[in-house]
Amino acid sequence: MSWNALRTLLLGLRFHAGVLIGPFLLVAAVTGLLCTVTPQSRRWCTARNCT
């Protein structure tokens, strides 16, 4: 196997791994952000009586 063929294989593998893992990382980041922001927003909303 030549270097160019191996390089092409590894780049394709890296691309497909990123396509598969990327959405999971995005969902984890968004839910983590929501978990951090929710307590502050509840306190703010309770203080302003926005029920």
N, C-alpha and C. Protein backbone atom coordinates (compact mmCIF):
# COMPACT_ATOMS: atom_id res chain seq x y z
N MET A 1 0.85 -1.18 0.00
CA MET A 1 0.00 0.00 0.00
C MET A 1 0.90 1.24 0.00
N SER A 2 0.64 2.10 -0.93
CA SER A 2 1.47 3.30 -1.03
C SER A 2 1.02 4.35 -0.03
N TRP A 3 1.88 5.34 0.15
CA TRP A 3 1.60 6.40 1.11
C TRP A 3 0.35 7.19 0.71
N ASN A 4 0.18 7.45 -0.60
CA ASN A 4 -0.99 8.22 -1.05
C ASN A 4 -2.29 7.48 -0.79
N ALA A 5 -2.29 6.18 -1.00
CA ALA A 5 -3.50 5.39 -0.74
C ALA A 5 -3.81 5.36 0.75
N LEU A 6 -2.78 5.22 1.58
CA LEU A 6 -2.98 5.21 3.03
C LEU A 6 -3.47 6.57 3.51
N ARG A 7 -2.91 7.62 2.96
CA ARG A 7 -3.31 8.98 3.33
C ARG A 7 -4.77 9.23 2.97
N THR A 8 -5.17 8.81 1.77
CA THR A 8 -6.55 8.96 1.33
C THR A 8 -7.49 8.18 2.23
N LEU A 9 -7.11 6.98 2.59
CA LEU A 9 -7.92 6.15 3.48
C LEU A 9 -8.09 6.81 4.85
N LEU A 10 -7.00 7.31 5.41
CA LEU A 10 -7.06 7.94 6.73
C LEU A 10 -7.87 9.24 6.71
N LEU A 11 -7.75 10.02 5.65
CA LEU A 11 -8.53 11.26 5.56
C LEU A 11 -10.01 10.96 5.41
N GLY A 12 -10.35 9.95 4.64
CA GLY A 12 -11.75 9.56 4.50
C GLY A 12 -12.31 9.04 5.81
N LEU A 13 -11.51 8.25 6.52
CA LEU A 13 -11.94 7.72 7.81
C LEU A 13 -12.14 8.85 8.81
N ARG A 14 -11.24 9.82 8.81
CA ARG A 14 -11.36 10.95 9.73
C ARG A 14 -12.60 11.78 9.42
N PHE A 15 -12.88 11.97 8.14
CA PHE A 15 -14.07 12.73 7.74
C PHE A 15 -15.34 12.03 8.20
N HIS A 16 -15.44 10.74 7.95
CA HIS A 16 -16.65 10.01 8.33
C HIS A 16 -16.80 9.91 9.85
N ALA A 17 -15.70 9.79 10.55
CA ALA A 17 -15.76 9.79 12.01
C ALA A 17 -16.27 11.13 12.52
N GLY A 18 -15.83 12.21 11.93
CA GLY A 18 -16.30 13.54 12.31
C GLY A 18 -17.77 13.73 12.02
N VAL A 19 -18.24 13.21 10.89
CA VAL A 19 -19.66 13.32 10.53
C VAL A 19 -20.50 12.52 11.52
N LEU A 20 -20.01 11.39 11.98
CA LEU A 20 -20.77 10.56 12.91
C LEU A 20 -20.73 11.11 14.34
N ILE A 21 -19.60 11.63 14.78
CA ILE A 21 -19.42 12.06 16.16
C ILE A 21 -19.85 13.52 16.36
N GLY A 22 -19.76 14.34 15.34
CA GLY A 22 -20.08 15.76 15.45
C GLY A 22 -21.45 16.06 16.03
N PRO A 23 -22.52 15.44 15.53
CA PRO A 23 -23.84 15.73 16.10
C PRO A 23 -23.96 15.37 17.58
N PHE A 24 -23.32 14.28 18.00
CA PHE A 24 -23.37 13.91 19.41
C PHE A 24 -22.66 14.95 20.27
N LEU A 25 -21.55 15.46 19.80
CA LEU A 25 -20.85 16.51 20.54
C LEU A 25 -21.68 17.79 20.61
N LEU A 26 -22.36 18.11 19.53
CA LEU A 26 -23.21 19.30 19.51
C LEU A 26 -24.36 19.17 20.50
N VAL A 27 -25.00 18.02 20.53
CA VAL A 27 -26.11 17.80 21.47
C VAL A 27 -25.59 17.84 22.90
N ALA A 28 -24.43 17.24 23.16
CA ALA A 28 -23.87 17.26 24.51
C ALA A 28 -23.54 18.69 24.94
N ALA A 29 -23.01 19.50 24.03
CA ALA A 29 -22.67 20.88 24.36
C ALA A 29 -23.93 21.71 24.65
N VAL A 30 -24.95 21.54 23.84
CA VAL A 30 -26.18 22.33 24.04
C VAL A 30 -26.88 21.92 25.32
N THR A 31 -26.99 20.62 25.59
CA THR A 31 -27.66 20.20 26.82
C THR A 31 -26.84 20.60 28.05
N GLY A 32 -25.53 20.56 27.96
CA GLY A 32 -24.70 21.02 29.07
C GLY A 32 -24.89 22.50 29.33
N LEU A 33 -24.99 23.27 28.27
CA LEU A 33 -25.24 24.71 28.42
C LEU A 33 -26.60 24.96 29.06
N LEU A 34 -27.61 24.22 28.63
CA LEU A 34 -28.93 24.38 29.22
C LEU A 34 -28.95 23.99 30.69
N CYS A 35 -28.22 22.95 31.04
CA CYS A 35 -28.16 22.54 32.45
C CYS A 35 -27.48 23.59 33.31
N THR A 36 -26.57 24.34 32.74
CA THR A 36 -25.87 25.37 33.52
C THR A 36 -26.70 26.65 33.61
N VAL A 37 -27.45 26.95 32.59
CA VAL A 37 -28.18 28.21 32.55
C VAL A 37 -29.54 28.11 33.24
N THR A 38 -30.14 26.94 33.30
CA THR A 38 -31.50 26.78 33.83
C THR A 38 -31.66 27.29 35.26
N PRO A 39 -30.78 26.97 36.22
CA PRO A 39 -31.00 27.48 37.59
C PRO A 39 -30.99 29.01 37.67
N GLN A 40 -30.11 29.67 36.94
CA GLN A 40 -30.07 31.13 36.97
C GLN A 40 -31.33 31.72 36.35
N SER A 41 -31.81 31.12 35.26
CA SER A 41 -33.01 31.66 34.62
C SER A 41 -34.23 31.43 35.49
N ARG A 42 -34.28 30.33 36.24
CA ARG A 42 -35.42 30.11 37.14
C ARG A 42 -35.43 31.14 38.26
N ARG A 43 -34.24 31.42 38.82
CA ARG A 43 -34.17 32.44 39.87
C ARG A 43 -34.57 33.80 39.34
N TRP A 44 -34.12 34.15 38.15
CA TRP A 44 -34.45 35.43 37.54
C TRP A 44 -35.94 35.52 37.27
N CYS A 45 -36.51 34.44 36.76
CA CYS A 45 -37.93 34.43 36.43
C CYS A 45 -38.79 34.48 37.68
N THR A 46 -38.38 33.79 38.74
CA THR A 46 -39.12 33.81 39.99
C THR A 46 -39.08 35.21 40.61
N ALA A 47 -37.95 35.88 40.52
CA ALA A 47 -37.83 37.23 41.07
C ALA A 47 -38.73 38.22 40.33
N ARG A 48 -38.96 37.98 39.05
CA ARG A 48 -39.80 38.89 38.25
C ARG A 48 -41.25 38.41 38.15
N ASN A 49 -41.59 37.30 38.81
CA ASN A 49 -42.95 36.74 38.79
C ASN A 49 -43.47 36.48 37.39
N CYS A 50 -42.66 35.88 36.56
CA CYS A 50 -43.10 35.57 35.20
C CYS A 50 -43.55 34.10 35.14
N THR A 51 -44.62 33.80 35.82
CA THR A 51 -45.14 32.43 35.85
C THR A 51 -46.09 32.16 34.72
